[in-house]
Amino acid sequence: MQQISKEKENQIQQAMDLEKDVLGTLAKVRQYEASINTLKRNIQKCNITLKELSSIDQQKTFQPIGRCFILKPKADIVNEVNENIKSHEREIDEYEKVRQHLVTKGKEKETQLQEAMKSLKI
């Protein structure tokens, strides 16, 4: 049987570690993309709520809280929905920055992994 030198073993271990890092980074990117999509859906729901609220004139408006509803003025509900939209948009911006950073980091690690594989001639 052929024995692998310590140097070769270290190179293989480094390549495996890089592969783990690349896969971990890709998983984080997918998580951030899922969070961004969820926030975008929430913004769409808020926009639908605002659209429906605009068609209401002097009717009573209720805000759902858990399993109950609380009577609130239309203006208060509209303000809260607008604040939710702004909050979600800020979160999307933050998540997008982190996602971009992770994508860049992942590409760098992929390049390092490819170089490590070339040096091993695998």
PDB file of N, CA and C in Angstrom:
ATOM      1  N   MET A   1       0.818  -1.180   0.000  1.00  0.00           N
ATOM      2  CA  MET A   1       0.000   0.000   0.000  1.00  0.00           C
ATOM      3  C   MET A   1       0.863   1.244   0.000  1.00  0.00           C
ATOM      4  N   GLN A   2       0.315   2.256  -0.606  1.00  0.00           N
ATOM      5  CA  GLN A   2       1.041   3.504  -0.731  1.00  0.00           C
ATOM      6  C   GLN A   2       0.803   4.382   0.502  1.00  0.00           C
ATOM      7  N   GLN A   3       1.879   4.893   1.043  1.00  0.00           N
ATOM      8  CA  GLN A   3       1.746   5.764   2.200  1.00  0.00           C
ATOM      9  C   GLN A   3       1.705   7.221   1.757  1.00  0.00           C
ATOM     10  N   ILE A   4       0.888   7.993   2.445  1.00  0.00           N
ATOM     11  CA  ILE A   4       0.761   9.409   2.127  1.00  0.00           C
ATOM     12  C   ILE A   4       1.648  10.185   3.091  1.00  0.00           C
ATOM     13  N   SER A   5       2.420  11.096   2.541  1.00  0.00           N
ATOM     14  CA  SER A   5       3.311  11.888   3.390  1.00  0.00           C
ATOM     15  C   SER A   5       2.491  12.833   4.272  1.00  0.00           C
ATOM     16  N   LYS A   6       3.127  13.260   5.342  1.00  0.00           N
ATOM     17  CA  LYS A   6       2.458  14.175   6.283  1.00  0.00           C
ATOM     18  C   LYS A   6       2.039  15.469   5.573  1.00  0.00           C
ATOM     19  N   GLU A   7       2.876  15.937   4.684  1.00  0.00           N
ATOM     20  CA  GLU A   7       2.560  17.166   3.959  1.00  0.00           C
ATOM     21  C   GLU A   7       1.308  16.983   3.098  1.00  0.00           C
ATOM     22  N   LYS A   8       1.232  15.849   2.422  1.00  0.00           N
ATOM     23  CA  LYS A   8       0.074  15.541   1.588  1.00  0.00           C
ATOM     24  C   LYS A   8      -1.181  15.417   2.457  1.00  0.00           C
ATOM     25  N   GLU A   9      -1.029  14.781   3.620  1.00  0.00           N
ATOM     26  CA  GLU A   9      -2.153  14.640   4.551  1.00  0.00           C
ATOM     27  C   GLU A   9      -2.670  16.003   4.994  1.00  0.00           C
ATOM     28  N   ASN A  10      -1.742  16.911   5.308  1.00  0.00           N
ATOM     29  CA  ASN A  10      -2.115  18.263   5.717  1.00  0.00           C
ATOM     30  C   ASN A  10      -2.841  19.000   4.594  1.00  0.00           C
ATOM     31  N   GLN A  11      -2.363  18.827   3.364  1.00  0.00           N
ATOM     32  CA  GLN A  11      -3.004  19.467   2.222  1.00  0.00           C
ATOM     33  C   GLN A  11      -4.425  18.927   2.022  1.00  0.00           C
ATOM     34  N   ILE A  12      -4.577  17.626   2.171  1.00  0.00           N
ATOM     35  CA  ILE A  12      -5.897  17.015   2.034  1.00  0.00           C
ATOM     36  C   ILE A  12      -6.826  17.536   3.130  1.00  0.00           C
ATOM     37  N   GLN A  13      -6.317  17.631   4.357  1.00  0.00           N
ATOM     38  CA  GLN A  13      -7.118  18.138   5.470  1.00  0.00           C
ATOM     39  C   GLN A  13      -7.529  19.587   5.225  1.00  0.00           C
ATOM     40  N   GLN A  14      -6.594  20.397   4.724  1.00  0.00           N
ATOM     41  CA  GLN A  14      -6.918  21.789   4.429  1.00  0.00           C
ATOM     42  C   GLN A  14      -7.994  21.880   3.345  1.00  0.00           C
ATOM     43  N   ALA A  15      -7.885  21.030   2.332  1.00  0.00           N
ATOM     44  CA  ALA A  15      -8.880  21.019   1.255  1.00  0.00           C
ATOM     45  C   ALA A  15     -10.257  20.631   1.806  1.00  0.00           C
ATOM     46  N   MET A  16     -10.275  19.646   2.695  1.00  0.00           N
ATOM     47  CA  MET A  16     -11.551  19.228   3.297  1.00  0.00           C
ATOM     48  C   MET A  16     -12.134  20.346   4.156  1.00  0.00           C
ATOM     49  N   ASP A  17     -11.281  21.046   4.899  1.00  0.00           N
ATOM     50  CA  ASP A  17     -11.746  22.165   5.715  1.00  0.00           C
ATOM     51  C   ASP A  17     -12.303  23.291   4.841  1.00  0.00           C
ATOM     52  N   LEU A  18     -11.621  23.571   3.732  1.00  0.00           N
ATOM     53  CA  LEU A  18     -12.103  24.586   2.808  1.00  0.00           C
ATOM     54  C   LEU A  18     -13.457  24.196   2.215  1.00  0.00           C
ATOM     55  N   GLU A  19     -13.608  22.922   1.904  1.00  0.00           N
ATOM     56  CA  GLU A  19     -14.871  22.445   1.354  1.00  0.00           C
ATOM     57  C   GLU A  19     -15.998  22.630   2.369  1.00  0.00           C
ATOM     58  N   LYS A  20     -15.703  22.317   3.632  1.00  0.00           N
ATOM     59  CA  LYS A  20     -16.697  22.517   4.701  1.00  0.00           C
ATOM     60  C   LYS A  20     -17.077  23.991   4.810  1.00  0.00           C
ATOM     61  N   ASP A  21     -16.076  24.875   4.746  1.00  0.00           N
ATOM     62  CA  ASP A  21     -16.328  26.309   4.822  1.00  0.00           C
ATOM     63  C   ASP A  21     -17.198  26.781   3.662  1.00  0.00           C
ATOM     64  N   VAL A  22     -16.898  26.282   2.458  1.00  0.00           N
ATOM     65  CA  VAL A  22     -17.679  26.674   1.277  1.00  0.00           C
ATOM     66  C   VAL A  22     -19.127  26.235   1.447  1.00  0.00           C
ATOM     67  N   LEU A  23     -19.339  25.003   1.877  1.00  0.00           N
ATOM     68  CA  LEU A  23     -20.696  24.496   2.058  1.00  0.00           C
ATOM     69  C   LEU A  23     -21.426  25.252   3.165  1.00  0.00           C
ATOM     70  N   GLY A  24     -20.729  25.569   4.241  1.00  0.00           N
ATOM     71  CA  GLY A  24     -21.323  26.336   5.332  1.00  0.00           C
ATOM     72  C   GLY A  24     -21.720  27.739   4.881  1.00  0.00           C
ATOM     73  N   THR A  25     -20.859  28.356   4.093  1.00  0.00           N
ATOM     74  CA  THR A  25     -21.148  29.691   3.578  1.00  0.00           C
ATOM     75  C   THR A  25     -22.359  29.662   2.658  1.00  0.00           C
ATOM     76  N   LEU A  26     -22.425  28.663   1.799  1.00  0.00           N
ATOM     77  CA  LEU A  26     -23.569  28.539   0.899  1.00  0.00           C
ATOM     78  C   LEU A  26     -24.871  28.331   1.679  1.00  0.00           C
ATOM     79  N   ALA A  27     -24.802  27.573   2.749  1.00  0.00           N
ATOM     80  CA  ALA A  27     -25.993  27.356   3.588  1.00  0.00           C
ATOM     81  C   ALA A  27     -26.448  28.671   4.222  1.00  0.00           C
ATOM     82  N   LYS A  28     -25.489  29.474   4.689  1.00  0.00           N
ATOM     83  CA  LYS A  28     -25.830  30.770   5.286  1.00  0.00           C
ATOM     84  C   LYS A  28     -26.458  31.696   4.243  1.00  0.00           C
ATOM     85  N   VAL A  29     -25.911  31.670   3.019  1.00  0.00           N
ATOM     86  CA  VAL A  29     -26.467  32.498   1.947  1.00  0.00           C
ATOM     87  C   VAL A  29     -27.921  32.106   1.691  1.00  0.00           C
ATOM     88  N   ARG A  30     -28.194  30.793   1.644  1.00  0.00           N
ATOM     89  CA  ARG A  30     -29.565  30.325   1.428  1.00  0.00           C
ATOM     90  C   ARG A  30     -30.486  30.772   2.560  1.00  0.00           C
ATOM     91  N   GLN A  31     -29.985  30.753   3.798  1.00  0.00           N
ATOM     92  CA  GLN A  31     -30.798  31.197   4.937  1.00  0.00           C
ATOM     93  C   GLN A  31     -31.141  32.686   4.809  1.00  0.00           C
ATOM     94  N   TYR A  32     -30.153  33.493   4.435  1.00  0.00           N
ATOM     95  CA  TYR A  32     -30.414  34.921   4.277  1.00  0.00           C
ATOM     96  C   TYR A  32     -31.379  35.168   3.122  1.00  0.00           C
ATOM     97  N   GLU A  33     -31.247  34.407   2.034  1.00  0.00           N
ATOM     98  CA  GLU A  33     -32.178  34.567   0.920  1.00  0.00           C
ATOM     99  C   GLU A  33     -33.595  34.206   1.341  1.00  0.00           C
ATOM    100  N   ALA A  34     -33.737  33.162   2.147  1.00  0.00           N
ATOM    101  CA  ALA A  34     -35.064  32.770   2.640  1.00  0.00           C
ATOM    102  C   ALA A  34     -35.640  33.861   3.543  1.00  0.00           C
ATOM    103  N   SER A  35     -34.807  34.442   4.389  1.00  0.00           N
ATOM    104  CA  SER A  35     -35.263  35.522   5.268  1.00  0.00           C
ATOM    105  C   SER A  35     -35.687  36.746   4.454  1.00  0.00           C
ATOM    106  N   ILE A  36     -34.925  37.063   3.436  1.00  0.00           N
ATOM    107  CA  ILE A  36     -35.251  38.200   2.569  1.00  0.00           C
ATOM    108  C   ILE A  36     -36.585  37.952   1.878  1.00  0.00           C
ATOM    109  N   ASN A  37     -36.783  36.747   1.375  1.00  0.00           N
ATOM    110  CA  ASN A  37     -38.053  36.419   0.706  1.00  0.00           C
ATOM    111  C   ASN A  37     -39.231  36.514   1.670  1.00  0.00           C
ATOM    112  N   THR A  38     -39.036  36.061   2.908  1.00  0.00           N
ATOM    113  CA  THR A  38     -40.093  36.157   3.916  1.00  0.00           C
ATOM    114  C   THR A  38     -40.438  37.616   4.196  1.00  0.00           C
ATOM    115  N   LEU A  39     -39.427  38.450   4.327  1.00  0.00           N
ATOM    116  CA  LEU A  39     -39.671  39.868   4.574  1.00  0.00           C
ATOM    117  C   LEU A  39     -40.392  40.518   3.391  1.00  0.00           C
ATOM    118  N   LYS A  40     -40.020  40.132   2.172  1.00  0.00           N
ATOM    119  CA  LYS A  40     -40.691  40.680   0.992  1.00  0.00           C
ATOM    120  C   LYS A  40     -42.162  40.267   0.956  1.00  0.00           C
ATOM    121  N   ARG A  41     -42.443  39.025   1.340  1.00  0.00           N
ATOM    122  CA  ARG A  41     -43.843  38.576   1.414  1.00  0.00           C
ATOM    123  C   ARG A  41     -44.600  39.378   2.470  1.00  0.00           C
ATOM    124  N   ASN A  42     -43.954  39.634   3.594  1.00  0.00           N
ATOM    125  CA  ASN A  42     -44.603  40.428   4.646  1.00  0.00           C
ATOM    126  C   ASN A  42     -44.899  41.848   4.160  1.00  0.00           C
ATOM    127  N   ILE A  43     -43.997  42.427   3.377  1.00  0.00           N
ATOM    128  CA  ILE A  43     -44.226  43.757   2.814  1.00  0.00           C
ATOM    129  C   ILE A  43     -45.424  43.723   1.870  1.00  0.00           C
ATOM    130  N   GLN A  44     -45.515  42.665   1.071  1.00  0.00           N
ATOM    131  CA  GLN A  44     -46.663  42.537   0.167  1.00  0.00           C
ATOM    132  C   GLN A  44     -47.967  42.435   0.954  1.00  0.00           C
ATOM    133  N   LYS A  45     -47.947  41.685   2.050  1.00  0.00           N
ATOM    134  CA  LYS A  45     -49.144  41.582   2.899  1.00  0.00           C
ATOM    135  C   LYS A  45     -49.515  42.945   3.465  1.00  0.00           C
ATOM    136  N   CYS A  46     -48.509  43.691   3.900  1.00  0.00           N
ATOM    137  CA  CYS A  46     -48.772  45.026   4.450  1.00  0.00           C
ATOM    138  C   CYS A  46     -49.362  45.942   3.373  1.00  0.00           C
ATOM    139  N   ASN A  47     -48.840  45.848   2.156  1.00  0.00           N
ATOM    140  CA  ASN A  47     -49.374  46.667   1.068  1.00  0.00           C
ATOM    141  C   ASN A  47     -50.823  46.299   0.757  1.00  0.00           C
ATOM    142  N   ILE A  48     -51.147  45.023   0.817  1.00  0.00           N
ATOM    143  CA  ILE A  48     -52.534  44.588   0.613  1.00  0.00           C
ATOM    144  C   ILE A  48     -53.414  45.154   1.729  1.00  0.00           C
ATOM    145  N   THR A  49     -52.924  45.119   2.950  1.00  0.00           N
ATOM    146  CA  THR A  49     -53.670  45.677   4.082  1.00  0.00           C
ATOM    147  C   THR A  49     -53.921  47.166   3.875  1.00  0.00           C
ATOM    148  N   LEU A  50     -52.881  47.888   3.442  1.00  0.00           N
ATOM    149  CA  LEU A  50     -53.047  49.331   3.206  1.00  0.00           C
ATOM    150  C   LEU A  50     -54.066  49.589   2.100  1.00  0.00           C
ATOM    151  N   LYS A  51     -54.016  48.783   1.061  1.00  0.00           N
ATOM    152  CA  LYS A  51     -54.963  48.936  -0.042  1.00  0.00           C
ATOM    153  C   LYS A  51     -56.399  48.741   0.449  1.00  0.00           C
ATOM    154  N   GLU A  52     -56.601  47.704   1.268  1.00  0.00           N
ATOM    155  CA  GLU A  52     -57.937  47.439   1.797  1.00  0.00           C
ATOM    156  C   GLU A  52     -58.369  48.528   2.781  1.00  0.00           C
ATOM    157  N   LEU A  53     -57.435  49.038   3.554  1.00  0.00           N
ATOM    158  CA  LEU A  53     -57.771  50.108   4.496  1.00  0.00           C
ATOM    159  C   LEU A  53     -58.153  51.396   3.772  1.00  0.00           C
ATOM    160  N   SER A  54     -57.572  51.611   2.602  1.00  0.00           N
ATOM    161  CA  SER A  54     -57.889  52.837   1.870  1.00  0.00           C
ATOM    162  C   SER A  54     -59.333  52.848   1.378  1.00  0.00           C
ATOM    163  N   SER A  55     -59.913  51.664   1.206  1.00  0.00           N
ATOM    164  CA  SER A  55     -61.301  51.603   0.739  1.00  0.00           C
ATOM    165  C   SER A  55     -62.307  51.763   1.880  1.00  0.00           C
ATOM    166  N   ILE A  56     -61.833  51.758   3.109  1.00  0.00           N
ATOM    167  CA  ILE A  56     -62.711  51.897   4.273  1.00  0.00           C
ATOM    168  C   ILE A  56     -62.833  53.369   4.627  1.00  0.00           C
ATOM    169  N   ASP A  57     -64.055  53.825   4.808  1.00  0.00           N
ATOM    170  CA  ASP A  57     -64.258  55.229   5.161  1.00  0.00           C
ATOM    171  C   ASP A  57     -64.422  55.389   6.670  1.00  0.00           C
ATOM    172  N   GLN A  58     -65.644  55.356   7.128  1.00  0.00           N
ATOM    173  CA  GLN A  58     -65.917  55.588   8.536  1.00  0.00           C
ATOM    174  C   GLN A  58     -66.313  54.312   9.283  1.00  0.00           C
ATOM    175  N   GLN A  59     -65.894  53.177   8.772  1.00  0.00           N
ATOM    176  CA  GLN A  59     -66.241  51.931   9.450  1.00  0.00           C
ATOM    177  C   GLN A  59     -65.298  51.711  10.626  1.00  0.00           C
ATOM    178  N   LYS A  60     -65.723  50.866  11.533  1.00  0.00           N
ATOM    179  CA  LYS A  60     -64.866  50.515  12.659  1.00  0.00           C
ATOM    180  C   LYS A  60     -63.707  49.668  12.149  1.00  0.00           C
ATOM    181  N   THR A  61     -62.517  49.913  12.679  1.00  0.00           N
ATOM    182  CA  THR A  61     -61.342  49.115  12.298  1.00  0.00           C
ATOM    183  C   THR A  61     -60.800  48.422  13.533  1.00  0.00           C
ATOM    184  N   PHE A  62     -60.407  47.195  13.324  1.00  0.00           N
ATOM    185  CA  PHE A  62     -59.886  46.371  14.406  1.00  0.00           C
ATOM    186  C   PHE A  62     -58.498  45.874  14.046  1.00  0.00           C
ATOM    187  N   GLN A  63     -57.640  45.813  15.024  1.00  0.00           N
ATOM    188  CA  GLN A  63     -56.303  45.267  14.820  1.00  0.00           C
ATOM    189  C   GLN A  63     -56.234  43.904  15.490  1.00  0.00           C
ATOM    190  N   PRO A  64     -55.788  42.885  14.734  1.00  0.00           N
ATOM    191  CA  PRO A  64     -55.677  41.563  15.361  1.00  0.00           C
ATOM    192  C   PRO A  64     -54.465  41.494  16.282  1.00  0.00           C
ATOM    193  N   ILE A  65     -54.688  40.944  17.456  1.00  0.00           N
ATOM    194  CA  ILE A  65     -53.606  40.685  18.410  1.00  0.00           C
ATOM    195  C   ILE A  65     -53.837  39.276  18.930  1.00  0.00           C
ATOM    196  N   GLY A  66     -53.028  38.352  18.449  1.00  0.00           N
ATOM    197  CA  GLY A  66     -53.232  36.957  18.838  1.00  0.00           C
ATOM    198  C   GLY A  66     -54.567  36.468  18.332  1.00  0.00           C
ATOM    199  N   ARG A  67     -55.416  36.024  19.241  1.00  0.00           N
ATOM    200  CA  ARG A  67     -56.737  35.514  18.878  1.00  0.00           C
ATOM    201  C   ARG A  67     -57.849  36.530  19.063  1.00  0.00           C
ATOM    202  N   CYS A  68     -57.495  37.748  19.442  1.00  0.00           N
ATOM    203  CA  CYS A  68     -58.528  38.754  19.674  1.00  0.00           C
ATOM    204  C   CYS A  68     -58.290  39.957  18.765  1.00  0.00           C
ATOM    205  N   PHE A  69     -59.242  40.863  18.756  1.00  0.00           N
ATOM    206  CA  PHE A  69     -59.169  42.070  17.948  1.00  0.00           C
ATOM    207  C   PHE A  69     -59.420  43.272  18.845  1.00  0.00           C
ATOM    208  N   ILE A  70     -58.677  44.340  18.571  1.00  0.00           N
ATOM    209  CA  ILE A  70     -58.814  45.553  19.365  1.00  0.00           C
ATOM    210  C   ILE A  70     -59.278  46.679  18.445  1.00  0.00           C
ATOM    211  N   LEU A  71     -60.282  47.400  18.882  1.00  0.00           N
ATOM    212  CA  LEU A  71     -60.801  48.530  18.124  1.00  0.00           C
ATOM    213  C   LEU A  71     -59.755  49.643  18.138  1.00  0.00           C
ATOM    214  N   LYS A  72     -59.355  50.084  16.931  1.00  0.00           N
ATOM    215  CA  LYS A  72     -58.356  51.143  16.812  1.00  0.00           C
ATOM    216  C   LYS A  72     -58.756  52.079  15.684  1.00  0.00           C
ATOM    217  N   PRO A  73     -58.363  53.317  15.773  1.00  0.00           N
ATOM    218  CA  PRO A  73     -58.624  54.245  14.666  1.00  0.00           C
ATOM    219  C   PRO A  73     -57.849  53.813  13.414  1.00  0.00           C
ATOM    220  N   LYS A  74     -58.437  54.076  12.271  1.00  0.00           N
ATOM    221  CA  LYS A  74     -57.829  53.688  10.995  1.00  0.00           C
ATOM    222  C   LYS A  74     -56.433  54.298  10.839  1.00  0.00           C
ATOM    223  N   ALA A  75     -56.275  55.545  11.240  1.00  0.00           N
ATOM    224  CA  ALA A  75     -54.987  56.233  11.092  1.00  0.00           C
ATOM    225  C   ALA A  75     -53.884  55.523  11.874  1.00  0.00           C
ATOM    226  N   ASP A  76     -54.195  55.041  13.068  1.00  0.00           N
ATOM    227  CA  ASP A  76     -53.204  54.327  13.876  1.00  0.00           C
ATOM    228  C   ASP A  76     -52.768  53.031  13.193  1.00  0.00           C
ATOM    229  N   ILE A  77     -53.731  52.316  12.645  1.00  0.00           N
ATOM    230  CA  ILE A  77     -53.408  51.053  11.976  1.00  0.00           C
ATOM    231  C   ILE A  77     -52.561  51.319  10.736  1.00  0.00           C
ATOM    232  N   VAL A  78     -52.928  52.348   9.965  1.00  0.00           N
ATOM    233  CA  VAL A  78     -52.160  52.699   8.769  1.00  0.00           C
ATOM    234  C   VAL A  78     -50.730  53.064   9.150  1.00  0.00           C
ATOM    235  N   ASN A  79     -50.549  53.842  10.203  1.00  0.00           N
ATOM    236  CA  ASN A  79     -49.209  54.228  10.662  1.00  0.00           C
ATOM    237  C   ASN A  79     -48.388  53.002  11.070  1.00  0.00           C
ATOM    238  N   GLU A  80     -49.030  52.084  11.791  1.00  0.00           N
ATOM    239  CA  GLU A  80     -48.316  50.872  12.220  1.00  0.00           C
ATOM    240  C   GLU A  80     -47.919  50.011  11.030  1.00  0.00           C
ATOM    241  N   VAL A  81     -48.803  49.894  10.057  1.00  0.00           N
ATOM    242  CA  VAL A  81     -48.482  49.092   8.867  1.00  0.00           C
ATOM    243  C   VAL A  81     -47.354  49.750   8.092  1.00  0.00           C
ATOM    244  N   ASN A  82     -47.378  51.072   7.966  1.00  0.00           N
ATOM    245  CA  ASN A  82     -46.288  51.782   7.281  1.00  0.00           C
ATOM    246  C   ASN A  82     -44.965  51.604   8.010  1.00  0.00           C
ATOM    247  N   GLU A  83     -44.994  51.633   9.326  1.00  0.00           N
ATOM    248  CA  GLU A  83     -43.776  51.410  10.120  1.00  0.00           C
ATOM    249  C   GLU A  83     -43.252  49.983   9.911  1.00  0.00           C
ATOM    250  N   ASN A  84     -44.165  49.016   9.839  1.00  0.00           N
ATOM    251  CA  ASN A  84     -43.753  47.631   9.569  1.00  0.00           C
ATOM    252  C   ASN A  84     -43.067  47.528   8.218  1.00  0.00           C
ATOM    253  N   ILE A  85     -43.619  48.192   7.223  1.00  0.00           N
ATOM    254  CA  ILE A  85     -43.015  48.167   5.883  1.00  0.00           C
ATOM    255  C   ILE A  85     -41.612  48.753   5.928  1.00  0.00           C
ATOM    256  N   LYS A  86     -41.452  49.914   6.565  1.00  0.00           N
ATOM    257  CA  LYS A  86     -40.138  50.547   6.663  1.00  0.00           C
ATOM    258  C   LYS A  86     -39.140  49.653   7.405  1.00  0.00           C
ATOM    259  N   SER A  87     -39.613  49.043   8.477  1.00  0.00           N
ATOM    260  CA  SER A  87     -38.758  48.154   9.261  1.00  0.00           C
ATOM    261  C   SER A  87     -38.300  46.957   8.421  1.00  0.00           C
ATOM    262  N   HIS A  88     -39.242  46.363   7.686  1.00  0.00           N
ATOM    263  CA  HIS A  88     -38.897  45.219   6.844  1.00  0.00           C
ATOM    264  C   HIS A  88     -37.917  45.621   5.737  1.00  0.00           C
ATOM    265  N   GLU A  89     -38.097  46.805   5.176  1.00  0.00           N
ATOM    266  CA  GLU A  89     -37.189  47.265   4.123  1.00  0.00           C
ATOM    267  C   GLU A  89     -35.782  47.478   4.668  1.00  0.00           C
ATOM    268  N   ARG A  90     -35.679  48.019   5.884  1.00  0.00           N
ATOM    269  CA  ARG A  90     -34.349  48.190   6.504  1.00  0.00           C
ATOM    270  C   ARG A  90     -33.695  46.833   6.742  1.00  0.00           C
ATOM    271  N   GLU A  91     -34.479  45.880   7.230  1.00  0.00           N
ATOM    272  CA  GLU A  91     -33.943  44.539   7.466  1.00  0.00           C
ATOM    273  C   GLU A  91     -33.490  43.895   6.161  1.00  0.00           C
ATOM    274  N   ILE A  92     -34.263  44.073   5.102  1.00  0.00           N
ATOM    275  CA  ILE A  92     -33.881  43.519   3.803  1.00  0.00           C
ATOM    276  C   ILE A  92     -32.548  44.104   3.357  1.00  0.00           C
ATOM    277  N   ASP A  93     -32.375  45.423   3.521  1.00  0.00           N
ATOM    278  CA  ASP A  93     -31.102  46.063   3.152  1.00  0.00           C
ATOM    279  C   ASP A  93     -29.936  45.466   3.939  1.00  0.00           C
ATOM    280  N   GLU A  94     -30.128  45.295   5.245  1.00  0.00           N
ATOM    281  CA  GLU A  94     -29.074  44.723   6.084  1.00  0.00           C
ATOM    282  C   GLU A  94     -28.766  43.285   5.664  1.00  0.00           C
ATOM    283  N   TYR A  95     -29.810  42.498   5.468  1.00  0.00           N
ATOM    284  CA  TYR A  95     -29.621  41.100   5.072  1.00  0.00           C
ATOM    285  C   TYR A  95     -28.949  40.997   3.710  1.00  0.00           C
ATOM    286  N   GLU A  96     -29.307  41.904   2.819  1.00  0.00           N
ATOM    287  CA  GLU A  96     -28.717  41.883   1.476  1.00  0.00           C
ATOM    288  C   GLU A  96     -27.217  42.176   1.540  1.00  0.00           C
ATOM    289  N   LYS A  97     -26.824  43.112   2.406  1.00  0.00           N
ATOM    290  CA  LYS A  97     -25.400  43.420   2.575  1.00  0.00           C
ATOM    291  C   LYS A  97     -24.647  42.200   3.105  1.00  0.00           C
ATOM    292  N   VAL A  98     -25.218  41.561   4.111  1.00  0.00           N
ATOM    293  CA  VAL A  98     -24.579  40.374   4.691  1.00  0.00           C
ATOM    294  C   VAL A  98     -24.516  39.251   3.663  1.00  0.00           C
ATOM    295  N   ARG A  99     -25.596  39.070   2.903  1.00  0.00           N
ATOM    296  CA  ARG A  99     -25.644  38.026   1.879  1.00  0.00           C
ATOM    297  C   ARG A  99     -24.571  38.268   0.820  1.00  0.00           C
ATOM    298  N   GLN A 100     -24.440  39.536   0.381  1.00  0.00           N
ATOM    299  CA  GLN A 100     -23.411  39.865  -0.609  1.00  0.00           C
ATOM    300  C   GLN A 100     -22.010  39.569  -0.066  1.00  0.00           C
ATOM    301  N   HIS A 101     -21.789  39.913   1.195  1.00  0.00           N
ATOM    302  CA  HIS A 101     -20.493  39.633   1.821  1.00  0.00           C
ATOM    303  C   HIS A 101     -20.231  38.123   1.841  1.00  0.00           C
ATOM    304  N   LEU A 102     -21.254  37.347   2.198  1.00  0.00           N
ATOM    305  CA  LEU A 102     -21.097  35.894   2.251  1.00  0.00           C
ATOM    306  C   LEU A 102     -20.852  35.307   0.866  1.00  0.00           C
ATOM    307  N   VAL A 103     -21.517  35.854  -0.152  1.00  0.00           N
ATOM    308  CA  VAL A 103     -21.304  35.372  -1.517  1.00  0.00           C
ATOM    309  C   VAL A 103     -19.862  35.628  -1.938  1.00  0.00           C
ATOM    310  N   THR A 104     -19.364  36.826  -1.651  1.00  0.00           N
ATOM    311  CA  THR A 104     -17.981  37.163  -1.985  1.00  0.00           C
ATOM    312  C   THR A 104     -17.009  36.247  -1.247  1.00  0.00           C
ATOM    313  N   LYS A 105     -17.264  36.058   0.036  1.00  0.00           N
ATOM    314  CA  LYS A 105     -16.421  35.178   0.854  1.00  0.00           C
ATOM    315  C   LYS A 105     -16.463  33.751   0.319  1.00  0.00           C
ATOM    316  N   GLY A 106     -17.653  33.296  -0.079  1.00  0.00           N
ATOM    317  CA  GLY A 106     -17.805  31.942  -0.621  1.00  0.00           C
ATOM    318  C   GLY A 106     -17.035  31.763  -1.914  1.00  0.00           C
ATOM    319  N   LYS A 107     -17.067  32.769  -2.775  1.00  0.00           N
ATOM    320  CA  LYS A 107     -16.327  32.687  -4.046  1.00  0.00           C
ATOM    321  C   LYS A 107     -14.822  32.615  -3.793  1.00  0.00           C
ATOM    322  N   GLU A 108     -14.364  33.402  -2.820  1.00  0.00           N
ATOM    323  CA  GLU A 108     -12.938  33.365  -2.479  1.00  0.00           C
ATOM    324  C   GLU A 108     -12.541  31.979  -1.979  1.00  0.00           C
ATOM    325  N   LYS A 109     -13.382  31.403  -1.129  1.00  0.00           N
ATOM    326  CA  LYS A 109     -13.079  30.079  -0.584  1.00  0.00           C
ATOM    327  C   LYS A 109     -13.156  29.010  -1.681  1.00  0.00           C
ATOM    328  N   GLU A 110     -14.081  29.174  -2.632  1.00  0.00           N
ATOM    329  CA  GLU A 110     -14.157  28.233  -3.748  1.00  0.00           C
ATOM    330  C   GLU A 110     -12.884  28.279  -4.572  1.00  0.00           C
ATOM    331  N   THR A 111     -12.380  29.485  -4.800  1.00  0.00           N
ATOM    332  CA  THR A 111     -11.131  29.642  -5.547  1.00  0.00           C
ATOM    333  C   THR A 111      -9.979  28.982  -4.797  1.00  0.00           C
ATOM    334  N   GLN A 112      -9.923  29.194  -3.496  1.00  0.00           N
ATOM    335  CA  GLN A 112      -8.881  28.567  -2.677  1.00  0.00           C
ATOM    336  C   GLN A 112      -8.995  27.054  -2.736  1.00  0.00           C
ATOM    337  N   LEU A 113     -10.221  26.543  -2.699  1.00  0.00           N
ATOM    338  CA  LEU A 113     -10.448  25.103  -2.763  1.00  0.00           C
ATOM    339  C   LEU A 113      -9.989  24.546  -4.101  1.00  0.00           C
ATOM    340  N   GLN A 114     -10.310  25.246  -5.187  1.00  0.00           N
ATOM    341  CA  GLN A 114      -9.880  24.797  -6.506  1.00  0.00           C
ATOM    342  C   GLN A 114      -8.357  24.767  -6.605  1.00  0.00           C
ATOM    343  N   GLU A 115      -7.722  25.781  -6.048  1.00  0.00           N
ATOM    344  CA  GLU A 115      -6.251  25.815  -6.044  1.00  0.00           C
ATOM    345  C   GLU A 115      -5.683  24.661  -5.212  1.00  0.00           C
ATOM    346  N   ALA A 116      -6.312  24.397  -4.091  1.00  0.00           N
ATOM    347  CA  ALA A 116      -5.843  23.310  -3.233  1.00  0.00           C
ATOM    348  C   ALA A 116      -6.004  21.967  -3.956  1.00  0.00           C
ATOM    349  N   MET A 117      -7.104  21.803  -4.675  1.00  0.00           N
ATOM    350  CA  MET A 117      -7.328  20.556  -5.410  1.00  0.00           C
ATOM    351  C   MET A 117      -6.319  20.416  -6.557  1.00  0.00           C
ATOM    352  N   LYS A 118      -6.011  21.531  -7.208  1.00  0.00           N
ATOM    353  CA  LYS A 118      -5.009  21.480  -8.285  1.00  0.00           C
ATOM    354  C   LYS A 118      -3.639  21.108  -7.735  1.00  0.00           C
ATOM    355  N   SER A 119      -3.316  21.640  -6.560  1.00  0.00           N
ATOM    356  CA  SER A 119      -2.008  21.328  -5.974  1.00  0.00           C
ATOM    357  C   SER A 119      -1.918  19.865  -5.563  1.00  0.00           C
ATOM    358  N   LEU A 120      -3.077  19.277  -5.230  1.00  0.00           N
ATOM    359  CA  LEU A 120      -3.120  17.852  -4.876  1.00  0.00           C
ATOM    360  C   LEU A 120      -3.212  16.976  -6.107  1.00  0.00           C
ATOM    361  N   LYS A 121      -3.565  17.597  -7.259  1.00  0.00           N
ATOM    362  CA  LYS A 121      -3.754  16.871  -8.524  1.00  0.00           C
ATOM    363  C   LYS A 121      -4.843  15.831  -8.389  1.00  0.00           C
ATOM    364  N   ILE A 122      -5.973  16.273  -7.833  1.00  0.00           N
ATOM    365  CA  ILE A 122      -7.133  15.383  -7.688  1.00  0.00           C
ATOM    366  C   ILE A 122      -8.152  15.735  -8.730  1.00  0.00           C
TER     367      ILE A 122
END
